[in-house]
Amino acid sequence: MNRSNIIPIFFAVDDNYAPFLAVAMRSLINNASPAHQYRIYILIDRLGDENAAILCSMARPNVSVEIVKVTEKLDALGDMLHLRDYYTKTTYYRFFIPALFPQYDKGLYLDCDIVVIGDISELYHTPIGDCILAAAP
């Protein structure tokens, strides 16, 4: 497989946001180009079996879905995470991506509460120069 055609996409979710993630993934998959391989990684601490099965069932020939537990990384941080009503542990999962997936030079982290209206490969292929991070409000 041509490594340049692989687009790694990361989401962080818990059971509360799993229905929103299902919508985001469906919209992403419906707009995915057959020219690319999309690797969706769902970062979790805990996720119910039913929600995990629904999300994994969305895989297609050019879209893989993998659930990745980050529990050990969370446990290593102990009480260092600042939590509030809108800052849950799930908010911090994105910081583990570089350590968990060193095989990728680039990836997309997407919030669960989005709808993808075009092929996400266009965003992935946006040049970011020498920057280590690009973000959009």
C-alpha atoms as a PDB file:
ATOM      1  CA  MET A   1       0.000   0.000   0.000  1.00  0.00           C
ATOM      2  CA  ASN A   2       1.240   3.453  -0.882  1.00  0.00           C
ATOM      3  CA  ARG A   3       1.920   5.174   2.451  1.00  0.00           C
ATOM      4  CA  SER A   4       1.122   8.591   0.932  1.00  0.00           C
ATOM      5  CA  ASN A   5      -2.485   7.459   0.426  1.00  0.00           C
ATOM      6  CA  ILE A   6      -2.977   6.720   4.147  1.00  0.00           C
ATOM      7  CA  ILE A   7      -4.815   9.406   6.087  1.00  0.00           C
ATOM      8  CA  PRO A   8      -4.797   8.871   9.861  1.00  0.00           C
ATOM      9  CA  ILE A   9      -7.791  10.435  11.605  1.00  0.00           C
ATOM     10  CA  PHE A  10      -8.195  10.582  15.364  1.00  0.00           C
ATOM     11  CA  PHE A  11     -11.238  11.059  17.547  1.00  0.00           C
ATOM     12  CA  ALA A  12     -11.581  10.958  21.340  1.00  0.00           C
ATOM     13  CA  VAL A  13     -14.870   9.775  22.762  1.00  0.00           C
ATOM     14  CA  ASP A  14     -16.778   8.417  25.703  1.00  0.00           C
ATOM     15  CA  ASP A  15     -20.267   6.938  25.806  1.00  0.00           C
ATOM     16  CA  ASN A  16     -21.834  10.401  26.089  1.00  0.00           C
ATOM     17  CA  TYR A  17     -20.433  11.498  22.724  1.00  0.00           C
ATOM     18  CA  ALA A  18     -20.544   8.179  20.844  1.00  0.00           C
ATOM     19  CA  PRO A  19     -23.797   9.073  19.010  1.00  0.00           C
ATOM     20  CA  PHE A  20     -22.239  12.341  17.804  1.00  0.00           C
ATOM     21  CA  LEU A  21     -19.129  10.481  16.690  1.00  0.00           C
ATOM     22  CA  ALA A  22     -21.280   8.089  14.678  1.00  0.00           C
ATOM     23  CA  VAL A  23     -22.700  11.075  12.758  1.00  0.00           C
ATOM     24  CA  ALA A  24     -19.230  12.563  12.220  1.00  0.00           C
ATOM     25  CA  MET A  25     -17.854   9.242  10.996  1.00  0.00           C
ATOM     26  CA  ARG A  26     -20.807   8.593   8.682  1.00  0.00           C
ATOM     27  CA  SER A  27     -20.394  12.028   7.101  1.00  0.00           C
ATOM     28  CA  LEU A  28     -16.636  11.497   6.756  1.00  0.00           C
ATOM     29  CA  ILE A  29     -17.089   8.049   5.192  1.00  0.00           C
ATOM     30  CA  ASN A  30     -19.843   9.199   2.834  1.00  0.00           C
ATOM     31  CA  ASN A  31     -17.496  11.869   1.469  1.00  0.00           C
ATOM     32  CA  ALA A  32     -14.308   9.761   1.437  1.00  0.00           C
ATOM     33  CA  SER A  33     -12.442   9.420  -1.833  1.00  0.00           C
ATOM     34  CA  PRO A  34     -11.749   5.857  -2.989  1.00  0.00           C
ATOM     35  CA  ALA A  35      -8.229   7.063  -3.879  1.00  0.00           C
ATOM     36  CA  HIS A  36      -7.219   7.134  -0.200  1.00  0.00           C
ATOM     37  CA  GLN A  37      -7.046   4.786   2.756  1.00  0.00           C
ATOM     38  CA  TYR A  38      -8.575   6.379   5.849  1.00  0.00           C
ATOM     39  CA  ARG A  39      -7.475   5.007   9.196  1.00  0.00           C
ATOM     40  CA  ILE A  40      -9.826   6.119  11.929  1.00  0.00           C
ATOM     41  CA  TYR A  41      -8.527   5.738  15.476  1.00  0.00           C
ATOM     42  CA  ILE A  42     -10.993   6.232  18.308  1.00  0.00           C
ATOM     43  CA  LEU A  43      -9.232   7.061  21.568  1.00  0.00           C
ATOM     44  CA  ILE A  44     -11.094   5.903  24.671  1.00  0.00           C
ATOM     45  CA  ASP A  45     -10.758   5.229  28.359  1.00  0.00           C
ATOM     46  CA  ARG A  46     -14.042   3.361  28.574  1.00  0.00           C
ATOM     47  CA  LEU A  47     -16.669   2.757  25.916  1.00  0.00           C
ATOM     48  CA  GLY A  48     -19.698   0.501  26.098  1.00  0.00           C
ATOM     49  CA  ASP A  49     -19.669  -2.638  23.964  1.00  0.00           C
ATOM     50  CA  GLU A  50     -22.748  -1.540  22.000  1.00  0.00           C
ATOM     51  CA  ASN A  51     -21.239   1.842  21.099  1.00  0.00           C
ATOM     52  CA  ALA A  52     -17.915   0.228  20.197  1.00  0.00           C
ATOM     53  CA  ALA A  53     -19.682  -2.279  17.925  1.00  0.00           C
ATOM     54  CA  ILE A  54     -21.668   0.456  16.169  1.00  0.00           C
ATOM     55  CA  LEU A  55     -18.565   2.548  15.514  1.00  0.00           C
ATOM     56  CA  CYS A  56     -16.434  -0.396  14.357  1.00  0.00           C
ATOM     57  CA  SER A  57     -19.196  -1.588  12.024  1.00  0.00           C
ATOM     58  CA  MET A  58     -18.719   1.587   9.977  1.00  0.00           C
ATOM     59  CA  ALA A  59     -15.451   0.299   8.487  1.00  0.00           C
ATOM     60  CA  ARG A  60     -15.348   0.039   4.709  1.00  0.00           C
ATOM     61  CA  PRO A  61     -12.762  -1.341   2.250  1.00  0.00           C
ATOM     62  CA  ASN A  62     -10.856   1.971   2.295  1.00  0.00           C
ATOM     63  CA  VAL A  63     -11.810   2.999   5.855  1.00  0.00           C
ATOM     64  CA  SER A  64     -10.500   1.097   8.869  1.00  0.00           C
ATOM     65  CA  VAL A  65     -11.744   1.774  12.388  1.00  0.00           C
ATOM     66  CA  GLU A  66      -9.702   0.946  15.471  1.00  0.00           C
ATOM     67  CA  ILE A  67     -10.519   1.602  19.100  1.00  0.00           C
ATOM     68  CA  VAL A  68      -7.458   2.502  21.170  1.00  0.00           C
ATOM     69  CA  LYS A  69      -7.507   2.493  24.965  1.00  0.00           C
ATOM     70  CA  VAL A  70      -5.534   5.317  26.569  1.00  0.00           C
ATOM     71  CA  THR A  71      -6.191   4.227  30.161  1.00  0.00           C
ATOM     72  CA  GLU A  72      -2.526   3.573  30.963  1.00  0.00           C
ATOM     73  CA  LYS A  73      -1.508   7.015  29.701  1.00  0.00           C
ATOM     74  CA  LEU A  74      -4.258   8.609  31.807  1.00  0.00           C
ATOM     75  CA  ASP A  75      -3.303   6.649  34.901  1.00  0.00           C
ATOM     76  CA  ALA A  76       0.322   7.769  34.520  1.00  0.00           C
ATOM     77  CA  LEU A  77      -0.792  11.396  34.817  1.00  0.00           C
ATOM     78  CA  GLY A  78      -2.630  10.812  38.069  1.00  0.00           C
ATOM     79  CA  ASP A  79      -4.329  13.975  39.306  1.00  0.00           C
ATOM     80  CA  MET A  80      -2.398  16.378  37.064  1.00  0.00           C
ATOM     81  CA  LEU A  81      -5.326  16.894  34.673  1.00  0.00           C
ATOM     82  CA  HIS A  82      -7.437  19.971  35.318  1.00  0.00           C
ATOM     83  CA  LEU A  83     -11.049  18.904  34.989  1.00  0.00           C
ATOM     84  CA  ARG A  84     -14.172  21.074  34.873  1.00  0.00           C
ATOM     85  CA  ASP A  85     -17.691  20.682  33.585  1.00  0.00           C
ATOM     86  CA  TYR A  86     -16.471  21.122  29.979  1.00  0.00           C
ATOM     87  CA  TYR A  87     -12.914  19.776  30.442  1.00  0.00           C
ATOM     88  CA  THR A  88     -13.253  16.045  30.878  1.00  0.00           C
ATOM     89  CA  LYS A  89     -10.471  13.487  30.667  1.00  0.00           C
ATOM     90  CA  THR A  90     -11.527  12.883  27.070  1.00  0.00           C
ATOM     91  CA  THR A  91     -10.384  16.425  26.239  1.00  0.00           C
ATOM     92  CA  TYR A  92      -6.793  15.407  26.958  1.00  0.00           C
ATOM     93  CA  TYR A  93      -6.630  12.224  24.843  1.00  0.00           C
ATOM     94  CA  ARG A  94      -5.432  14.154  21.785  1.00  0.00           C
ATOM     95  CA  PHE A  95      -2.137  14.896  23.527  1.00  0.00           C
ATOM     96  CA  PHE A  96      -1.282  11.169  23.481  1.00  0.00           C
ATOM     97  CA  ILE A  97      -1.470  10.875  19.685  1.00  0.00           C
ATOM     98  CA  PRO A  98       2.229  11.554  18.869  1.00  0.00           C
ATOM     99  CA  ALA A  99       3.432   9.031  21.477  1.00  0.00           C
ATOM    100  CA  LEU A 100       0.911   6.359  20.508  1.00  0.00           C
ATOM    101  CA  PHE A 101       1.305   6.727  16.727  1.00  0.00           C
ATOM    102  CA  PRO A 102       4.947   7.588  15.948  1.00  0.00           C
ATOM    103  CA  GLN A 103       4.613   5.934  12.536  1.00  0.00           C
ATOM    104  CA  TYR A 104       2.739   8.982  11.243  1.00  0.00           C
ATOM    105  CA  ASP A 105       4.360  12.291  10.366  1.00  0.00           C
ATOM    106  CA  LYS A 106       0.960  13.931  10.177  1.00  0.00           C
ATOM    107  CA  GLY A 107      -2.592  13.215  11.251  1.00  0.00           C
ATOM    108  CA  LEU A 108      -5.967  14.833  11.755  1.00  0.00           C
ATOM    109  CA  TYR A 109      -7.616  15.162  15.128  1.00  0.00           C
ATOM    110  CA  LEU A 110     -11.302  15.948  14.773  1.00  0.00           C
ATOM    111  CA  ASP A 111     -13.885  16.727  17.428  1.00  0.00           C
ATOM    112  CA  CYS A 112     -16.808  14.320  17.559  1.00  0.00           C
ATOM    113  CA  ASP A 113     -19.518  16.923  17.177  1.00  0.00           C
ATOM    114  CA  ILE A 114     -18.857  17.816  13.549  1.00  0.00           C
ATOM    115  CA  VAL A 115     -20.297  16.991  10.164  1.00  0.00           C
ATOM    116  CA  VAL A 116     -17.823  16.508   7.325  1.00  0.00           C
ATOM    117  CA  ILE A 117     -19.216  18.054   4.128  1.00  0.00           C
ATOM    118  CA  GLY A 118     -16.397  17.159   1.743  1.00  0.00           C
ATOM    119  CA  ASP A 119     -13.508  14.762   1.339  1.00  0.00           C
ATOM    120  CA  ILE A 120     -11.384  15.122   4.490  1.00  0.00           C
ATOM    121  CA  SER A 121      -8.265  14.336   2.419  1.00  0.00           C
ATOM    122  CA  GLU A 122      -8.379  17.943   1.213  1.00  0.00           C
ATOM    123  CA  LEU A 123      -7.879  19.165   4.781  1.00  0.00           C
ATOM    124  CA  TYR A 124      -5.205  16.542   5.397  1.00  0.00           C
ATOM    125  CA  HIS A 125      -3.248  17.652   2.340  1.00  0.00           C
ATOM    126  CA  THR A 126      -3.326  21.331   3.313  1.00  0.00           C
ATOM    127  CA  PRO A 127       0.323  22.433   3.560  1.00  0.00           C
ATOM    128  CA  ILE A 128       1.351  23.544   7.032  1.00  0.00           C
ATOM    129  CA  GLY A 129       5.010  24.214   6.272  1.00  0.00           C
ATOM    130  CA  ASP A 130       7.362  23.603   9.179  1.00  0.00           C
ATOM    131  CA  CYS A 131       4.618  24.057  11.762  1.00  0.00           C
ATOM    132  CA  ILE A 132       4.059  21.134  14.099  1.00  0.00           C
ATOM    133  CA  LEU A 133       0.403  22.011  14.556  1.00  0.00           C
ATOM    134  CA  ALA A 134      -2.382  23.661  12.624  1.00  0.00           C
ATOM    135  CA  ALA A 135      -5.838  24.326  14.058  1.00  0.00           C
ATOM    136  CA  ALA A 136      -9.152  25.829  13.050  1.00  0.00           C
ATOM    137  CA  PRO A 137     -11.767  27.346  15.331  1.00  0.00           C
END
